[in-house]
């Protein structure tokens, strides 16, 4: 979700013909990836569907207008168990013997900050898999910060990371919507939910996602955002994924629908929904 030169830019993806496909909109009109990227301000980041190897993908338009593509395996293991990510298809490994994975990236002044988790190998009928255990922040070099888990947490992974030159904000996948400010866990609700993006605007902290009024982890979510931990609901049977603040206007991207096959892309401007064409 971005706004640039009074244009509203939304990226997303749909599942069709047995594969995920990227979708891009500028002012509610479908456009191709080149048009979308050229409309973005330098320093913007957006996500696109997983690739053929199920790697999550983030695209960063650098401050000089170049495009860097970051890919993250979703809990897969390589031969030596290293923690790693891909930048422009080059594998970059963390200097550690620990087992884990990098799951997301954020930027400040062109400098990346990564989030992910260390884990342990579990065995089941499908083979080996990586179970999340300890969340972390990493600057790609020597800075490595372990994040403490809240009490009674069911840790499932990391969704997003944001840095505003003074504080780190990391969105965790738990049994409740939450994030860390630096190393302090902040729980936003005692009901099931998720945080998908965090930004800071004029010292106000915004976390966007959804929560479930029935405390269900399957259907019937309520799209929402939290401003300085205060809840603002957008719509029932919907979920929110991205946020952008433009002056006094709050833009939030997401989808309506009760279950994934019914999801329809949209965004909200100050709480008013705008549906996006297929």
Protein backbone atom coordinates (compact mmCIF):
# COMPACT_ATOMS: atom_id res chain seq x y z
CA UNK A 1 0.00 0.00 0.00
CA UNK A 2 1.51 3.30 -1.12
CA UNK A 3 0.40 6.81 -2.06
CA UNK A 4 2.64 8.88 -4.34
CA UNK A 5 1.88 12.05 -6.29
CA UNK A 6 -1.78 11.72 -5.23
CA UNK A 7 -1.94 8.25 -6.78
CA UNK A 8 -3.12 5.30 -4.67
CA UNK A 9 -0.94 2.24 -5.33
CA UNK A 10 -1.95 -1.24 -4.19
CA UNK A 11 -0.21 -4.55 -4.83
CA UNK A 12 -1.68 -7.96 -4.13
CA UNK A 13 -2.13 -11.42 -5.53
CA UNK A 14 -4.81 -13.87 -6.55
CA UNK A 15 -4.88 -17.65 -6.80
CA UNK A 16 -5.99 -18.70 -10.25
CA UNK A 17 -5.19 -21.57 -12.62
CA UNK A 18 -3.54 -23.41 -9.70
CA UNK A 19 -0.95 -20.71 -9.12
CA UNK A 20 -0.47 -17.38 -7.36
CA UNK A 21 -0.39 -14.35 -9.63
CA UNK A 22 0.55 -10.78 -8.76
CA UNK A 23 -2.00 -7.99 -9.21
CA UNK A 24 -1.27 -4.26 -9.28
CA UNK A 25 -3.57 -1.26 -9.16
CA UNK A 26 -2.95 2.47 -9.60
CA UNK A 27 -5.97 4.58 -8.70
CA UNK A 28 -8.14 1.44 -8.82
CA UNK A 29 -7.04 0.53 -12.35
CA UNK A 30 -5.21 -2.71 -13.14
CA UNK A 31 -1.66 -2.08 -14.33
CA UNK A 32 1.41 -4.19 -15.05
CA UNK A 33 4.41 -4.55 -12.74
CA UNK A 34 6.54 -2.04 -14.70
CA UNK A 35 3.88 0.68 -14.49
CA UNK A 36 3.31 -0.02 -10.80
CA UNK A 37 7.00 0.10 -9.88
CA UNK A 38 7.63 3.27 -11.91
CA UNK A 39 4.77 4.95 -10.00
CA UNK A 40 6.29 4.15 -6.60
CA UNK A 41 8.41 6.61 -4.69
CA UNK A 42 12.03 5.64 -4.16
CA UNK A 43 12.48 3.86 -0.85
CA UNK A 44 9.22 1.91 -1.16
CA UNK A 45 8.80 -1.80 -0.54
CA UNK A 46 6.05 -4.22 -1.52
CA UNK A 47 5.38 -7.95 -1.53
CA UNK A 48 4.53 -10.23 -4.46
CA UNK A 49 3.44 -13.90 -4.55
CA UNK A 50 5.73 -16.76 -3.70
CA UNK A 51 7.92 -18.10 -6.49
CA UNK A 52 8.00 -21.62 -7.92
CA UNK A 53 10.02 -22.76 -4.88
CA UNK A 54 7.47 -21.26 -2.44
CA UNK A 55 9.81 -18.47 -1.40
CA UNK A 56 8.23 -15.27 -0.07
CA UNK A 57 9.26 -12.23 -2.12
CA UNK A 58 9.74 -8.56 -1.18
CA UNK A 59 10.65 -5.93 -3.78
CA UNK A 60 12.49 -2.78 -2.67
CA UNK A 61 12.81 0.31 -4.86
CA UNK A 62 16.05 1.83 -3.64
CA UNK A 63 16.67 5.51 -2.98
CA UNK A 64 18.37 5.82 -6.38
CA UNK A 65 15.49 4.07 -8.18
CA UNK A 66 16.97 0.61 -8.65
CA UNK A 67 15.04 -2.53 -7.78
CA UNK A 68 16.28 -5.18 -5.33
CA UNK A 69 14.41 -8.46 -4.91
CA UNK A 70 14.59 -10.32 -1.59
CA UNK A 71 13.41 -13.92 -1.24
CA UNK A 72 12.84 -15.90 1.93
CA UNK A 73 12.36 -19.64 2.31
CA UNK A 74 9.43 -20.57 4.52
CA UNK A 75 11.11 -22.84 7.00
CA UNK A 76 13.01 -24.99 4.55
CA UNK A 77 16.46 -26.33 5.32
CA UNK A 78 19.68 -26.30 3.33
CA UNK A 79 22.42 -28.88 3.76
CA UNK A 80 24.42 -27.11 6.46
CA UNK A 81 21.38 -25.67 8.28
CA UNK A 82 22.46 -22.05 7.81
CA UNK A 83 20.15 -19.06 8.28
CA UNK A 84 19.97 -17.35 4.90
CA UNK A 85 18.06 -15.18 2.43
CA UNK A 86 18.38 -14.31 -1.25
CA UNK A 87 19.10 -10.85 -2.65
CA UNK A 88 18.71 -10.67 -6.42
CA UNK A 89 19.01 -14.50 -6.46
CA UNK A 90 22.31 -14.51 -4.53
CA UNK A 91 22.22 -16.50 -1.29
CA UNK A 92 23.47 -14.59 1.76
CA UNK A 93 24.10 -16.57 4.96
CA UNK A 94 24.17 -15.52 8.58
CA UNK A 95 27.49 -16.21 10.32
CA UNK A 96 26.10 -18.67 12.86
CA UNK A 97 25.76 -22.38 13.37
CA UNK A 98 22.17 -21.97 14.58
CA UNK A 99 19.27 -23.33 12.56
CA UNK A 100 16.56 -20.92 11.50
CA UNK A 101 15.16 -18.75 8.72
CA UNK A 102 14.82 -15.11 7.70
CA UNK A 103 11.20 -14.21 6.93
CA UNK A 104 10.93 -10.45 6.24
CA UNK A 105 12.87 -7.26 5.58
CA UNK A 106 12.38 -3.55 6.22
CA UNK A 107 14.49 -0.52 5.31
CA UNK A 108 15.71 2.76 6.75
CA UNK A 109 17.80 5.04 4.52
CA UNK A 110 18.47 2.13 2.16
CA UNK A 111 19.77 -0.03 5.01
CA UNK A 112 17.95 -3.35 5.52
CA UNK A 113 16.83 -4.86 8.80
CA UNK A 114 15.73 -8.48 8.76
CA UNK A 115 13.48 -10.48 11.04
CA UNK A 116 13.09 -14.21 11.41
CA UNK A 117 13.44 -17.00 13.91
CA UNK A 118 15.76 -19.71 15.12
CA UNK A 119 14.08 -23.07 15.36
CA UNK A 120 14.43 -26.76 15.83
CA UNK A 121 14.02 -29.61 13.41
CA UNK A 122 10.95 -31.75 13.90
CA UNK A 123 10.13 -35.03 12.22
CA UNK A 124 6.78 -36.18 10.90
CA UNK A 125 5.32 -38.37 8.17
CA UNK A 126 6.11 -35.70 5.54
CA UNK A 127 9.76 -35.57 6.60
CA UNK A 128 11.78 -32.90 8.39
CA UNK A 129 10.49 -29.39 9.05
CA UNK A 130 11.60 -26.32 10.97
CA UNK A 131 9.55 -25.36 14.02
CA UNK A 132 9.81 -21.70 15.19
CA UNK A 133 11.40 -21.23 18.59
CA UNK A 134 13.24 -17.90 19.08
CA UNK A 135 12.41 -14.72 17.09
CA UNK A 136 15.22 -12.34 16.16
CA UNK A 137 16.19 -9.08 14.46
CA UNK A 138 19.31 -8.90 12.32
CA UNK A 139 20.90 -6.05 10.38
CA UNK A 140 22.60 -8.42 7.93
CA UNK A 141 25.93 -7.89 9.67
CA UNK A 142 26.92 -8.07 13.34
CA UNK A 143 23.73 -6.85 15.05
CA UNK A 144 21.55 -9.73 16.26
CA UNK A 145 18.73 -9.17 18.74
CA UNK A 146 16.76 -12.01 20.32
CA UNK A 147 13.12 -11.17 21.04
CA UNK A 148 11.52 -12.54 24.22
CA UNK A 149 8.24 -14.42 23.91
CA UNK A 150 5.21 -13.20 25.88
CA UNK A 151 3.82 -15.49 28.55
CA UNK A 152 1.43 -18.17 27.28
CA UNK A 153 2.41 -17.35 23.67
CA UNK A 154 1.97 -19.76 20.79
CA UNK A 155 4.81 -18.61 18.57
CA UNK A 156 4.36 -19.39 14.86
CA UNK A 157 6.67 -16.93 13.14
CA UNK A 158 7.38 -13.32 12.19
CA UNK A 159 5.29 -11.25 9.77
CA UNK A 160 7.00 -7.88 9.40
CA UNK A 161 9.67 -5.50 10.64
CA UNK A 162 9.95 -1.69 10.71
CA UNK A 163 12.71 0.66 11.88
CA UNK A 164 12.29 4.42 12.37
CA UNK A 165 15.92 5.32 13.23
CA UNK A 166 15.28 4.98 16.98
CA UNK A 167 13.10 1.91 17.56
CA UNK A 168 12.55 -1.50 16.03
CA UNK A 169 8.99 -2.78 15.56
CA UNK A 170 8.47 -6.45 14.76
CA UNK A 171 5.14 -8.13 14.09
CA UNK A 172 4.83 -11.63 15.50
CA UNK A 173 2.54 -14.48 14.48
CA UNK A 174 1.05 -15.62 17.75
CA UNK A 175 -2.31 -16.76 19.06
CA UNK A 176 -3.11 -13.02 19.51
CA UNK A 177 -2.23 -9.85 17.54
CA UNK A 178 1.03 -8.45 18.90
CA UNK A 179 4.34 -6.82 18.09
CA UNK A 180 7.61 -6.02 19.79
CA UNK A 181 8.85 -2.47 20.30
CA UNK A 182 12.56 -3.14 20.45
CA UNK A 183 12.49 -6.16 22.83
CA UNK A 184 9.24 -5.33 24.66
CA UNK A 185 6.21 -7.46 23.63
CA UNK A 186 3.01 -5.46 23.12
CA UNK A 187 -0.24 -7.45 22.98
CA UNK A 188 -3.09 -5.66 21.18
CA UNK A 189 -5.98 -8.01 21.95
CA UNK A 190 -6.65 -11.18 23.92
CA UNK A 191 -8.59 -12.57 20.93
CA UNK A 192 -7.03 -14.38 17.97
CA UNK A 193 -5.57 -12.07 15.32
CA UNK A 194 -2.52 -11.07 13.30
CA UNK A 195 -0.40 -7.98 12.64
CA UNK A 196 0.76 -7.66 9.02
CA UNK A 197 2.45 -4.26 8.86
CA UNK A 198 3.73 -1.63 11.30
CA UNK A 199 4.65 1.97 10.53
CA UNK A 200 5.40 5.09 12.55
CA UNK A 201 4.08 8.49 11.48
CA UNK A 202 4.83 11.62 13.53
CA UNK A 203 5.54 9.46 16.59
CA UNK A 204 2.23 7.56 16.24
CA UNK A 205 2.62 3.79 15.93
CA UNK A 206 0.21 2.06 13.54
CA UNK A 207 -0.20 -1.72 13.38
CA UNK A 208 -2.56 -3.14 10.75
CA UNK A 209 -4.12 -6.58 10.48
CA UNK A 210 -7.21 -8.25 11.87
CA UNK A 211 -8.68 -9.87 14.94
CA UNK A 212 -11.47 -12.39 15.40
CA UNK A 213 -14.41 -11.51 17.64
CA UNK A 214 -15.23 -15.22 18.03
CA UNK A 215 -11.60 -16.01 18.90
CA UNK A 216 -11.43 -18.29 15.85
CA UNK A 217 -8.31 -18.86 13.76
CA UNK A 218 -10.26 -19.83 10.64
CA UNK A 219 -13.15 -17.58 9.53
CA UNK A 220 -15.00 -14.37 10.29
CA UNK A 221 -12.14 -11.90 10.86
CA UNK A 222 -12.51 -8.17 11.40
CA UNK A 223 -10.13 -5.92 9.45
CA UNK A 224 -8.66 -3.26 11.70
CA UNK A 225 -5.70 -1.21 12.75
CA UNK A 226 -4.31 -0.07 16.05
CA UNK A 227 -3.00 3.47 16.57
CA UNK A 228 -0.83 3.64 19.67
CA UNK A 229 -2.53 0.39 20.76
CA UNK A 230 -6.06 1.84 20.34
CA UNK A 231 -8.32 -0.32 18.15
CA UNK A 232 -10.00 1.07 15.01
CA UNK A 233 -12.28 -1.40 13.24
CA UNK A 234 -12.73 -1.27 9.47
CA UNK A 235 -15.12 -4.06 8.56
CA UNK A 236 -16.29 -7.52 9.62
CA UNK A 237 -15.56 -10.51 7.38
CA UNK A 238 -12.43 -8.80 6.09
CA UNK A 239 -8.71 -8.62 6.72
CA UNK A 240 -6.13 -5.84 6.36
CA UNK A 241 -2.54 -6.21 5.23
CA UNK A 242 -0.93 -2.86 4.39
CA UNK A 243 -1.07 0.75 5.59
CA UNK A 244 0.11 4.16 4.41
CA UNK A 245 -0.31 7.54 6.11
CA UNK A 246 -0.58 10.58 3.82
CA UNK A 247 -1.02 13.71 5.92
CA UNK A 248 -4.33 13.29 7.75
CA UNK A 249 -5.43 10.39 5.54
CA UNK A 250 -5.10 6.74 6.54
CA UNK A 251 -4.99 4.24 3.66
CA UNK A 252 -5.24 0.52 4.38
CA UNK A 253 -5.16 -2.31 1.84
CA UNK A 254 -6.82 -5.66 2.36
CA UNK A 255 -9.63 -7.90 1.26
CA UNK A 256 -13.26 -8.58 2.07
CA UNK A 257 -14.56 -12.11 2.40
CA UNK A 258 -15.12 -14.74 5.04
CA UNK A 259 -12.79 -17.43 3.69
CA UNK A 260 -9.84 -17.21 1.24
CA UNK A 261 -11.74 -18.38 -1.89
CA UNK A 262 -14.15 -15.46 -1.34
CA UNK A 263 -11.53 -12.75 -0.80
CA UNK A 264 -11.93 -9.60 -2.92
CA UNK A 265 -9.14 -7.01 -3.00
CA UNK A 266 -9.90 -3.53 -1.66
CA UNK A 267 -8.52 -0.62 0.29
CA UNK A 268 -10.00 1.73 2.85
CA UNK A 269 -9.41 5.49 2.87
CA UNK A 270 -10.25 6.85 6.31
CA UNK A 271 -12.51 3.85 6.88
CA UNK A 272 -14.40 4.10 3.56
CA UNK A 273 -13.93 1.01 1.40
CA UNK A 274 -12.89 1.14 -2.26
CA UNK A 275 -13.25 -2.18 -4.11
CA UNK A 276 -10.56 -3.08 -6.65
CA UNK A 277 -11.34 -4.75 -10.00
CA UNK A 278 -10.33 -8.35 -10.69
